[in-house]
Structure formats: C-alpha cells, structure tokens
C-alpha cells in the first residue's frame, strides 16, 4: 500500500493554478529551513476532505534548486507552463526562471 504524500508546513512557496490543479513549489519551513525541491499538486475540482487532502507528489520531476519567495504564474501556448520570477535560493537572489510542467 502506498503511503499518501503529506507535505511539510511551509511559507514563501509558490502556488499556481493550472486547469483543475493547484501546484505548490518549494518554499521553506517557518523556522527558515528550505523544504527542498518539493513539488506537488491538489486536484481542486474533485471532491476532497479538508482534513485529509490528497496531494500528488511530483518532486522527482522538479529540476529547480530549492528556493523561496518567488512569484509564479501560469501561461504559455497551452497554459501549462509555470513562470517563476525572483525569489532566493542557496546561491542568492534568483532572476527569471521558466519551469515546464504538463497539467494534463
């Protein structure tokens, strides 16, 4: 039996809505520790229990360094591209980044 994915509490993460999925990327714990390369989503149009959310882990597809404090928006030709701007990672301030993730 597969153990359901349960993300750590976080702040300064990105949250991007693409179609019926809310994608969450990186961030850091309230203590200031990076949460790593966490990348996951929640299907928001399906019925769900707020006490037991069914997150889907995509962390193994995340090619970005751990970061926090970036702004994110969806766009691109098919609307399934996540654009990141700004934020901070272990090397300092980030500029513009492009992250491709199929929403299908």
PDB file of N, CA and C in Angstrom:
ATOM      1  N   UNK A   1       0.838  -1.182   0.000  1.00  0.00           N
ATOM      2  CA  UNK A   1       0.000   0.000   0.000  1.00  0.00           C
ATOM      3  C   UNK A   1       0.882   1.245   0.000  1.00  0.00           C
ATOM      4  N   UNK A   2       0.579   2.192  -0.845  1.00  0.00           N
ATOM      5  CA  UNK A   2       1.332   3.429  -0.942  1.00  0.00           C
ATOM      6  C   UNK A   2       0.902   4.395   0.154  1.00  0.00           C
ATOM      7  N   UNK A   3       1.881   4.984   0.816  1.00  0.00           N
ATOM      8  CA  UNK A   3       1.602   5.978   1.853  1.00  0.00           C
ATOM      9  C   UNK A   3       1.258   7.299   1.162  1.00  0.00           C
ATOM     10  N   UNK A   4       0.156   7.942   1.539  1.00  0.00           N
ATOM     11  CA  UNK A   4      -0.203   9.215   0.908  1.00  0.00           C
ATOM     12  C   UNK A   4       0.867  10.275   1.176  1.00  0.00           C
ATOM     13  N   UNK A   5       1.074  11.145   0.204  1.00  0.00           N
ATOM     14  CA  UNK A   5       2.040  12.226   0.346  1.00  0.00           C
ATOM     15  C   UNK A   5       1.470  13.284   1.285  1.00  0.00           C
ATOM     16  N   UNK A   6       2.243  13.651   2.276  1.00  0.00           N
ATOM     17  CA  UNK A   6       1.840  14.702   3.214  1.00  0.00           C
ATOM     18  C   UNK A   6       2.947  15.754   3.249  1.00  0.00           C
ATOM     19  N   UNK A   7       2.715  16.902   2.609  1.00  0.00           N
ATOM     20  CA  UNK A   7       3.755  17.933   2.588  1.00  0.00           C
ATOM     21  C   UNK A   7       3.972  18.568   3.951  1.00  0.00           C
ATOM     22  N   UNK A   8       5.190  19.071   4.153  1.00  0.00           N
ATOM     23  CA  UNK A   8       5.513  19.817   5.369  1.00  0.00           C
ATOM     24  C   UNK A   8       4.805  21.165   5.317  1.00  0.00           C
ATOM     25  N   UNK A   9       4.563  21.742   6.491  1.00  0.00           N
ATOM     26  CA  UNK A   9       4.059  23.111   6.519  1.00  0.00           C
ATOM     27  C   UNK A   9       5.147  24.002   5.955  1.00  0.00           C
ATOM     28  N   UNK A  10       4.751  25.063   5.286  1.00  0.00           N
ATOM     29  CA  UNK A  10       5.734  25.918   4.617  1.00  0.00           C
ATOM     30  C   UNK A  10       5.235  27.341   4.499  1.00  0.00           C
ATOM     31  N   UNK A  11       6.166  28.202   4.143  1.00  0.00           N
ATOM     32  CA  UNK A  11       5.874  29.597   3.826  1.00  0.00           C
ATOM     33  C   UNK A  11       6.722  29.966   2.626  1.00  0.00           C
ATOM     34  N   UNK A  12       6.397  31.088   2.009  1.00  0.00           N
ATOM     35  CA  UNK A  12       7.160  31.633   0.876  1.00  0.00           C
ATOM     36  C   UNK A  12       7.300  30.646  -0.284  1.00  0.00           C
ATOM     37  N   UNK A  13       6.302  29.797  -0.470  1.00  0.00           N
ATOM     38  CA  UNK A  13       6.250  28.872  -1.594  1.00  0.00           C
ATOM     39  C   UNK A  13       5.494  29.529  -2.748  1.00  0.00           C
ATOM     40  N   UNK A  14       5.509  28.905  -3.907  1.00  0.00           N
ATOM     41  CA  UNK A  14       4.660  29.367  -4.990  1.00  0.00           C
ATOM     42  C   UNK A  14       3.425  28.486  -5.039  1.00  0.00           C
ATOM     43  N   UNK A  15       2.317  29.063  -5.430  1.00  0.00           N
ATOM     44  CA  UNK A  15       1.065  28.340  -5.629  1.00  0.00           C
ATOM     45  C   UNK A  15       0.497  28.800  -6.965  1.00  0.00           C
ATOM     46  N   UNK A  16       0.326  27.873  -7.890  1.00  0.00           N
ATOM     47  CA  UNK A  16      -0.089  28.213  -9.246  1.00  0.00           C
ATOM     48  C   UNK A  16      -1.247  27.319  -9.667  1.00  0.00           C
ATOM     49  N   UNK A  17      -2.334  27.925 -10.106  1.00  0.00           N
ATOM     50  CA  UNK A  17      -3.495  27.172 -10.562  1.00  0.00           C
ATOM     51  C   UNK A  17      -3.397  26.957 -12.069  1.00  0.00           C
ATOM     52  N   UNK A  18      -3.423  25.684 -12.484  1.00  0.00           N
ATOM     53  CA  UNK A  18      -3.445  25.326 -13.897  1.00  0.00           C
ATOM     54  C   UNK A  18      -4.583  24.330 -14.070  1.00  0.00           C
ATOM     55  N   UNK A  19      -5.556  24.720 -14.878  1.00  0.00           N
ATOM     56  CA  UNK A  19      -6.774  23.924 -15.074  1.00  0.00           C
ATOM     57  C   UNK A  19      -7.388  23.622 -13.710  1.00  0.00           C
ATOM     58  N   UNK A  20      -7.491  22.362 -13.345  1.00  0.00           N
ATOM     59  CA  UNK A  20      -8.135  21.989 -12.089  1.00  0.00           C
ATOM     60  C   UNK A  20      -7.136  21.571 -11.013  1.00  0.00           C
ATOM     61  N   UNK A  21      -5.860  21.980 -11.167  1.00  0.00           N
ATOM     62  CA  UNK A  21      -4.830  21.581 -10.202  1.00  0.00           C
ATOM     63  C   UNK A  21      -4.146  22.810  -9.605  1.00  0.00           C
ATOM     64  N   UNK A  22      -3.950  22.762  -8.299  1.00  0.00           N
ATOM     65  CA  UNK A  22      -3.198  23.794  -7.589  1.00  0.00           C
ATOM     66  C   UNK A  22      -1.807  23.240  -7.327  1.00  0.00           C
ATOM     67  N   UNK A  23      -0.799  23.794  -8.035  1.00  0.00           N
ATOM     68  CA  UNK A  23       0.591  23.339  -7.919  1.00  0.00           C
ATOM     69  C   UNK A  23       1.322  24.151  -6.851  1.00  0.00           C
ATOM     70  N   UNK A  24       2.041  23.474  -5.978  1.00  0.00           N
ATOM     71  CA  UNK A  24       2.850  24.097  -4.928  1.00  0.00           C
ATOM     72  C   UNK A  24       4.307  23.731  -5.190  1.00  0.00           C
ATOM     73  N   UNK A  25       5.184  24.728  -5.142  1.00  0.00           N
ATOM     74  CA  UNK A  25       6.598  24.513  -5.456  1.00  0.00           C
ATOM     75  C   UNK A  25       7.477  25.142  -4.381  1.00  0.00           C
ATOM     76  N   UNK A  26       8.372  24.349  -3.824  1.00  0.00           N
ATOM     77  CA  UNK A  26       9.412  24.755  -2.865  1.00  0.00           C
ATOM     78  C   UNK A  26       8.863  25.512  -1.662  1.00  0.00           C
ATOM     79  N   UNK A  27       9.590  26.539  -1.210  1.00  0.00           N
ATOM     80  CA  UNK A  27       9.248  27.280  -0.006  1.00  0.00           C
ATOM     81  C   UNK A  27      10.217  26.945   1.118  1.00  0.00           C
ATOM     82  N   UNK A  28       9.850  27.318   2.325  1.00  0.00           N
ATOM     83  CA  UNK A  28      10.669  26.986   3.487  1.00  0.00           C
ATOM     84  C   UNK A  28       9.777  26.832   4.707  1.00  0.00           C
ATOM     85  N   UNK A  29      10.301  26.133   5.698  1.00  0.00           N
ATOM     86  CA  UNK A  29       9.561  25.944   6.942  1.00  0.00           C
ATOM     87  C   UNK A  29       9.518  27.254   7.704  1.00  0.00           C
ATOM     88  N   UNK A  30       8.605  27.373   8.644  1.00  0.00           N
ATOM     89  CA  UNK A  30       8.502  28.595   9.458  1.00  0.00           C
ATOM     90  C   UNK A  30       9.797  28.900  10.194  1.00  0.00           C
ATOM     91  N   UNK A  31      10.626  27.878  10.427  1.00  0.00           N
ATOM     92  CA  UNK A  31      11.905  28.067  11.112  1.00  0.00           C
ATOM     93  C   UNK A  31      12.967  28.668  10.190  1.00  0.00           C
ATOM     94  N   UNK A  32      12.653  28.812   8.886  1.00  0.00           N
ATOM     95  CA  UNK A  32      13.603  29.368   7.936  1.00  0.00           C
ATOM     96  C   UNK A  32      14.401  28.328   7.183  1.00  0.00           C
ATOM     97  N   UNK A  33      14.138  27.036   7.403  1.00  0.00           N
ATOM     98  CA  UNK A  33      14.855  25.964   6.710  1.00  0.00           C
ATOM     99  C   UNK A  33      14.153  25.658   5.386  1.00  0.00           C
ATOM    100  N   UNK A  34      14.909  25.614   4.282  1.00  0.00           N
ATOM    101  CA  UNK A  34      14.328  25.259   2.983  1.00  0.00           C
ATOM    102  C   UNK A  34      13.675  23.890   3.064  1.00  0.00           C
ATOM    103  N   UNK A  35      12.523  23.733   2.420  1.00  0.00           N
ATOM    104  CA  UNK A  35      11.847  22.436   2.409  1.00  0.00           C
ATOM    105  C   UNK A  35      12.373  21.541   1.301  1.00  0.00           C
ATOM    106  N   UNK A  36      13.304  22.058   0.507  1.00  0.00           N
ATOM    107  CA  UNK A  36      13.890  21.249  -0.556  1.00  0.00           C
ATOM    108  C   UNK A  36      13.174  21.438  -1.869  1.00  0.00           C
ATOM    109  N   UNK A  37      13.240  20.416  -2.692  1.00  0.00           N
ATOM    110  CA  UNK A  37      12.694  20.501  -4.044  1.00  0.00           C
ATOM    111  C   UNK A  37      11.256  20.006  -4.110  1.00  0.00           C
ATOM    112  N   UNK A  38      10.491  20.248  -3.065  1.00  0.00           N
ATOM    113  CA  UNK A  38       9.101  19.811  -3.031  1.00  0.00           C
ATOM    114  C   UNK A  38       8.317  20.402  -4.200  1.00  0.00           C
ATOM    115  N   UNK A  39       7.539  19.569  -4.851  1.00  0.00           N
ATOM    116  CA  UNK A  39       6.663  19.984  -5.940  1.00  0.00           C
ATOM    117  C   UNK A  39       5.479  19.030  -5.924  1.00  0.00           C
ATOM    118  N   UNK A  40       4.284  19.556  -5.734  1.00  0.00           N
ATOM    119  CA  UNK A  40       3.111  18.706  -5.614  1.00  0.00           C
ATOM    120  C   UNK A  40       1.871  19.491  -6.006  1.00  0.00           C
ATOM    121  N   UNK A  41       0.755  18.774  -6.170  1.00  0.00           N
ATOM    122  CA  UNK A  41      -0.488  19.453  -6.530  1.00  0.00           C
ATOM    123  C   UNK A  41      -1.687  18.799  -5.863  1.00  0.00           C
ATOM    124  N   UNK A  42      -2.788  19.543  -5.889  1.00  0.00           N
ATOM    125  CA  UNK A  42      -4.072  19.081  -5.388  1.00  0.00           C
ATOM    126  C   UNK A  42      -5.095  19.343  -6.480  1.00  0.00           C
ATOM    127  N   UNK A  43      -5.865  18.312  -6.840  1.00  0.00           N
ATOM    128  CA  UNK A  43      -6.954  18.494  -7.800  1.00  0.00           C
ATOM    129  C   UNK A  43      -8.115  19.135  -7.052  1.00  0.00           C
ATOM    130  N   UNK A  44      -8.474  20.366  -7.446  1.00  0.00           N
ATOM    131  CA  UNK A  44      -9.446  21.121  -6.660  1.00  0.00           C
ATOM    132  C   UNK A  44     -10.882  20.966  -7.139  1.00  0.00           C
ATOM    133  N   UNK A  45     -11.099  20.417  -8.321  1.00  0.00           N
ATOM    134  CA  UNK A  45     -12.468  20.249  -8.795  1.00  0.00           C
ATOM    135  C   UNK A  45     -13.084  18.927  -8.351  1.00  0.00           C
ATOM    136  N   UNK A  46     -12.238  17.997  -7.896  1.00  0.00           N
ATOM    137  CA  UNK A  46     -12.750  16.755  -7.337  1.00  0.00           C
ATOM    138  C   UNK A  46     -13.123  17.000  -5.883  1.00  0.00           C
ATOM    139  N   UNK A  47     -14.101  16.267  -5.414  1.00  0.00           N
ATOM    140  CA  UNK A  47     -14.484  16.362  -4.011  1.00  0.00           C
ATOM    141  C   UNK A  47     -13.321  15.894  -3.132  1.00  0.00           C
ATOM    142  N   UNK A  48     -13.040  16.625  -2.048  1.00  0.00           N
ATOM    143  CA  UNK A  48     -11.970  16.209  -1.152  1.00  0.00           C
ATOM    144  C   UNK A  48     -12.305  16.562   0.288  1.00  0.00           C
ATOM    145  N   UNK A  49     -11.668  15.855   1.189  1.00  0.00           N
ATOM    146  CA  UNK A  49     -11.828  16.040   2.618  1.00  0.00           C
ATOM    147  C   UNK A  49     -10.750  17.014   3.078  1.00  0.00           C
ATOM    148  N   UNK A  50     -11.114  18.140   3.644  1.00  0.00           N
ATOM    149  CA  UNK A  50     -10.127  19.142   4.061  1.00  0.00           C
ATOM    150  C   UNK A  50      -9.249  18.660   5.204  1.00  0.00           C
ATOM    151  N   UNK A  51      -9.660  17.612   5.902  1.00  0.00           N
ATOM    152  CA  UNK A  51      -8.855  17.051   6.984  1.00  0.00           C
ATOM    153  C   UNK A  51      -7.877  16.001   6.484  1.00  0.00           C
ATOM    154  N   UNK A  52      -8.032  15.578   5.224  1.00  0.00           N
ATOM    155  CA  UNK A  52      -7.181  14.531   4.656  1.00  0.00           C
ATOM    156  C   UNK A  52      -7.003  14.798   3.161  1.00  0.00           C
ATOM    157  N   UNK A  53      -6.248  15.838   2.834  1.00  0.00           N
ATOM    158  CA  UNK A  53      -6.075  16.235   1.441  1.00  0.00           C
ATOM    159  C   UNK A  53      -5.269  15.198   0.666  1.00  0.00           C
ATOM    160  N   UNK A  54      -5.626  15.013  -0.580  1.00  0.00           N
ATOM    161  CA  UNK A  54      -4.983  14.013  -1.427  1.00  0.00           C
ATOM    162  C   UNK A  54      -3.974  14.693  -2.363  1.00  0.00           C
ATOM    163  N   UNK A  55      -2.815  15.055  -1.814  1.00  0.00           N
ATOM    164  CA  UNK A  55      -1.755  15.693  -2.587  1.00  0.00           C
ATOM    165  C   UNK A  55      -1.072  14.665  -3.483  1.00  0.00           C
ATOM    166  N   UNK A  56      -0.669  15.080  -4.673  1.00  0.00           N
ATOM    167  CA  UNK A  56       0.080  14.231  -5.600  1.00  0.00           C
ATOM    168  C   UNK A  56       1.507  14.762  -5.674  1.00  0.00           C
ATOM    169  N   UNK A  57       2.478  13.940  -5.323  1.00  0.00           N
ATOM    170  CA  UNK A  57       3.887  14.346  -5.270  1.00  0.00           C
ATOM    171  C   UNK A  57       4.529  14.267  -6.650  1.00  0.00           C
ATOM    172  N   UNK A  58       5.128  15.371  -7.082  1.00  0.00           N
ATOM    173  CA  UNK A  58       5.878  15.445  -8.343  1.00  0.00           C
ATOM    174  C   UNK A  58       7.332  15.825  -8.102  1.00  0.00           C
ATOM    175  N   UNK A  59       7.789  15.739  -6.867  1.00  0.00           N
ATOM    176  CA  UNK A  59       9.120  16.218  -6.500  1.00  0.00           C
ATOM    177  C   UNK A  59      10.230  15.595  -7.336  1.00  0.00           C
ATOM    178  N   UNK A  60      10.060  14.357  -7.774  1.00  0.00           N
ATOM    179  CA  UNK A  60      11.107  13.707  -8.580  1.00  0.00           C
ATOM    180  C   UNK A  60      11.214  14.310  -9.979  1.00  0.00           C
ATOM    181  N   UNK A  61      10.264  15.164 -10.391  1.00  0.00           N
ATOM    182  CA  UNK A  61      10.344  15.829 -11.699  1.00  0.00           C
ATOM    183  C   UNK A  61      10.860  17.262 -11.582  1.00  0.00           C
ATOM    184  N   UNK A  62      11.076  17.737 -10.360  1.00  0.00           N
ATOM    185  CA  UNK A  62      11.491  19.125 -10.130  1.00  0.00           C
ATOM    186  C   UNK A  62      12.966  19.301 -10.476  1.00  0.00           C
ATOM    187  N   UNK A  63      13.259  20.162 -11.447  1.00  0.00           N
ATOM    188  CA  UNK A  63      14.641  20.390 -11.891  1.00  0.00           C
ATOM    189  C   UNK A  63      15.241  21.671 -11.302  1.00  0.00           C
ATOM    190  N   UNK A  64      14.469  22.407 -10.520  1.00  0.00           N
ATOM    191  CA  UNK A  64      14.946  23.659  -9.939  1.00  0.00           C
ATOM    192  C   UNK A  64      15.628  23.424  -8.602  1.00  0.00           C
ATOM    193  N   UNK A  65      16.551  24.311  -8.259  1.00  0.00           N
ATOM    194  CA  UNK A  65      17.138  24.296  -6.921  1.00  0.00           C
ATOM    195  C   UNK A  65      16.057  24.662  -5.911  1.00  0.00           C
ATOM    196  N   UNK A  66      16.197  24.195  -4.664  1.00  0.00           N
ATOM    197  CA  UNK A  66      15.263  24.655  -3.642  1.00  0.00           C
ATOM    198  C   UNK A  66      15.290  26.184  -3.584  1.00  0.00           C
ATOM    199  N   UNK A  67      14.129  26.790  -3.426  1.00  0.00           N
ATOM    200  CA  UNK A  67      14.044  28.251  -3.395  1.00  0.00           C
ATOM    201  C   UNK A  67      12.826  28.670  -2.586  1.00  0.00           C
ATOM    202  N   UNK A  68      12.737  29.972  -2.333  1.00  0.00           N
ATOM    203  CA  UNK A  68      11.574  30.509  -1.637  1.00  0.00           C
ATOM    204  C   UNK A  68      11.396  31.968  -2.022  1.00  0.00           C
ATOM    205  N   UNK A  69      10.181  32.451  -1.859  1.00  0.00           N
ATOM    206  CA  UNK A  69       9.891  33.866  -2.079  1.00  0.00           C
ATOM    207  C   UNK A  69       9.732  34.280  -3.525  1.00  0.00           C
ATOM    208  N   UNK A  70       9.563  33.341  -4.447  1.00  0.00           N
ATOM    209  CA  UNK A  70       9.392  33.684  -5.860  1.00  0.00           C
ATOM    210  C   UNK A  70       7.921  33.979  -6.150  1.00  0.00           C
ATOM    211  N   UNK A  71       7.678  34.710  -7.210  1.00  0.00           N
ATOM    212  CA  UNK A  71       6.325  34.901  -7.731  1.00  0.00           C
ATOM    213  C   UNK A  71       6.139  33.900  -8.858  1.00  0.00           C
ATOM    214  N   UNK A  72       4.923  33.384  -9.030  1.00  0.00           N
ATOM    215  CA  UNK A  72       4.673  32.383 -10.063  1.00  0.00           C
ATOM    216  C   UNK A  72       3.353  32.669 -10.759  1.00  0.00           C
ATOM    217  N   UNK A  73       3.308  32.340 -12.040  1.00  0.00           N
ATOM    218  CA  UNK A  73       2.090  32.487 -12.825  1.00  0.00           C
ATOM    219  C   UNK A  73       2.101  31.413 -13.907  1.00  0.00           C
ATOM    220  N   UNK A  74       0.922  30.983 -14.318  1.00  0.00           N
ATOM    221  CA  UNK A  74       0.849  30.014 -15.417  1.00  0.00           C
ATOM    222  C   UNK A  74       0.659  30.758 -16.724  1.00  0.00           C
ATOM    223  N   UNK A  75       1.099  30.148 -17.804  1.00  0.00           N
ATOM    224  CA  UNK A  75       0.952  30.762 -19.120  1.00  0.00           C
ATOM    225  C   UNK A  75       1.514  29.851 -20.183  1.00  0.00           C
ATOM    226  N   UNK A  76       1.969  30.457 -21.266  1.00  0.00           N
ATOM    227  CA  UNK A  76       2.493  29.687 -22.380  1.00  0.00           C
ATOM    228  C   UNK A  76       1.403  29.308 -23.362  1.00  0.00           C
ATOM    229  N   UNK A  77       1.800  28.694 -24.453  1.00  0.00           N
ATOM    230  CA  UNK A  77       0.881  28.354 -25.543  1.00  0.00           C
ATOM    231  C   UNK A  77      -0.313  27.527 -25.069  1.00  0.00           C
ATOM    232  N   UNK A  78      -0.064  26.524 -24.240  1.00  0.00           N
ATOM    233  CA  UNK A  78      -1.133  25.655 -23.767  1.00  0.00           C
ATOM    234  C   UNK A  78      -1.571  25.982 -22.343  1.00  0.00           C
ATOM    235  N   UNK A  79      -1.002  27.035 -21.754  1.00  0.00           N
ATOM    236  CA  UNK A  79      -1.369  27.427 -20.399  1.00  0.00           C
ATOM    237  C   UNK A  79      -0.849  26.489 -19.325  1.00  0.00           C
ATOM    238  N   UNK A  80       0.099  25.606 -19.678  1.00  0.00           N
ATOM    239  CA  UNK A  80       0.594  24.628 -18.706  1.00  0.00           C
ATOM    240  C   UNK A  80       2.070  24.824 -18.384  1.00  0.00           C
ATOM    241  N   UNK A  81       2.525  26.073 -18.472  1.00  0.00           N
ATOM    242  CA  UNK A  81       3.892  26.418 -18.121  1.00  0.00           C
ATOM    243  C   UNK A  81       3.873  27.298 -16.879  1.00  0.00           C
ATOM    244  N   UNK A  82       4.730  26.976 -15.929  1.00  0.00           N
ATOM    245  CA  UNK A  82       4.854  27.804 -14.734  1.00  0.00           C
ATOM    246  C   UNK A  82       6.058  28.718 -14.908  1.00  0.00           C
ATOM    247  N   UNK A  83       5.819  30.025 -14.836  1.00  0.00           N
ATOM    248  CA  UNK A  83       6.874  31.021 -14.912  1.00  0.00           C
ATOM    249  C   UNK A  83       7.184  31.495 -13.501  1.00  0.00           C
ATOM    250  N   UNK A  84       8.455  31.488 -13.138  1.00  0.00           N
ATOM    251  CA  UNK A  84       8.887  31.989 -11.829  1.00  0.00           C
ATOM    252  C   UNK A  84       9.678  33.272 -12.025  1.00  0.00           C
ATOM    253  N   UNK A  85       9.510  34.201 -11.092  1.00  0.00           N
ATOM    254  CA  UNK A  85      10.289  35.422 -11.134  1.00  0.00           C
ATOM    255  C   UNK A  85      10.738  35.756  -9.726  1.00  0.00           C
ATOM    256  N   UNK A  86      12.023  36.046  -9.601  1.00  0.00           N
ATOM    257  CA  UNK A  86      12.567  36.458  -8.315  1.00  0.00           C
ATOM    258  C   UNK A  86      12.707  35.296  -7.352  1.00  0.00           C
ATOM    259  N   UNK A  87      12.750  35.616  -6.090  1.00  0.00           N
ATOM    260  CA  UNK A  87      12.951  34.615  -5.064  1.00  0.00           C
ATOM    261  C   UNK A  87      14.414  34.492  -4.700  1.00  0.00           C
ATOM    262  N   UNK A  88      14.696  33.565  -3.808  1.00  0.00           N
ATOM    263  CA  UNK A  88      16.044  33.349  -3.295  1.00  0.00           C
ATOM    264  C   UNK A  88      16.318  31.857  -3.248  1.00  0.00           C
ATOM    265  N   UNK A  89      17.561  31.480  -3.547  1.00  0.00           N
ATOM    266  CA  UNK A  89      17.994  30.092  -3.368  1.00  0.00           C
ATOM    267  C   UNK A  89      19.360  30.113  -2.693  1.00  0.00           C
ATOM    268  N   UNK A  90      20.020  28.970  -2.621  1.00  0.00           N
ATOM    269  CA  UNK A  90      21.289  28.879  -1.893  1.00  0.00           C
ATOM    270  C   UNK A  90      22.398  29.736  -2.499  1.00  0.00           C
ATOM    271  N   UNK A  91      22.256  30.140  -3.746  1.00  0.00           N
ATOM    272  CA  UNK A  91      23.278  30.978  -4.375  1.00  0.00           C
ATOM    273  C   UNK A  91      22.932  32.461  -4.312  1.00  0.00           C
ATOM    274  N   UNK A  92      21.778  32.810  -3.743  1.00  0.00           N
ATOM    275  CA  UNK A  92      21.376  34.203  -3.635  1.00  0.00           C
ATOM    276  C   UNK A  92      20.100  34.485  -4.398  1.00  0.00           C
ATOM    277  N   UNK A  93      19.918  35.739  -4.791  1.00  0.00           N
ATOM    278  CA  UNK A  93      18.699  36.155  -5.480  1.00  0.00           C
ATOM    279  C   UNK A  93      18.590  35.489  -6.842  1.00  0.00           C
ATOM    280  N   UNK A  94      17.382  35.071  -7.189  1.00  0.00           N
ATOM    281  CA  UNK A  94      17.113  34.459  -8.486  1.00  0.00           C
ATOM    282  C   UNK A  94      16.542  35.516  -9.415  1.00  0.00           C
ATOM    283  N   UNK A  95      16.728  35.340 -10.705  1.00  0.00           N
ATOM    284  CA  UNK A  95      16.128  36.208 -11.705  1.00  0.00           C
ATOM    285  C   UNK A  95      14.869  35.562 -12.239  1.00  0.00           C
ATOM    286  N   UNK A  96      14.764  35.518 -13.545  1.00  0.00           N
ATOM    287  CA  UNK A  96      13.607  34.913 -14.212  1.00  0.00           C
ATOM    288  C   UNK A  96      13.896  33.452 -14.483  1.00  0.00           C
ATOM    289  N   UNK A  97      12.984  32.578 -14.152  1.00  0.00           N
ATOM    290  CA  UNK A  97      13.120  31.142 -14.422  1.00  0.00           C
ATOM    291  C   UNK A  97      11.902  30.668 -15.172  1.00  0.00           C
ATOM    292  N   UNK A  98      12.059  29.620 -15.935  1.00  0.00           N
ATOM    293  CA  UNK A  98      10.962  29.027 -16.668  1.00  0.00           C
ATOM    294  C   UNK A  98      10.873  27.578 -16.264  1.00  0.00           C
ATOM    295  N   UNK A  99       9.713  27.149 -15.822  1.00  0.00           N
ATOM    296  CA  UNK A  99       9.547  25.771 -15.384  1.00  0.00           C
ATOM    297  C   UNK A  99       8.404  25.163 -16.171  1.00  0.00           C
ATOM    298  N   UNK A 100       8.668  24.100 -16.896  1.00  0.00           N
ATOM    299  CA  UNK A 100       7.650  23.456 -17.704  1.00  0.00           C
ATOM    300  C   UNK A 100       7.058  22.276 -16.962  1.00  0.00           C
ATOM    301  N   UNK A 101       5.754  22.258 -16.880  1.00  0.00           N
ATOM    302  CA  UNK A 101       5.069  21.129 -16.250  1.00  0.00           C
ATOM    303  C   UNK A 101       3.743  20.931 -16.965  1.00  0.00           C
ATOM    304  N   UNK A 102       3.549  19.787 -17.515  1.00  0.00           N
ATOM    305  CA  UNK A 102       2.281  19.480 -18.158  1.00  0.00           C
ATOM    306  C   UNK A 102       1.196  19.376 -17.112  1.00  0.00           C
ATOM    307  N   UNK A 103       0.088  20.036 -17.358  1.00  0.00           N
ATOM    308  CA  UNK A 103      -1.032  19.990 -16.431  1.00  0.00           C
ATOM    309  C   UNK A 103      -1.998  18.876 -16.777  1.00  0.00           C
ATOM    310  N   UNK A 104      -1.689  18.104 -17.764  1.00  0.00           N
ATOM    311  CA  UNK A 104      -2.596  17.016 -18.193  1.00  0.00           C
ATOM    312  C   UNK A 104      -2.198  15.709 -17.578  1.00  0.00           C
TER     313      UNK A 104
END
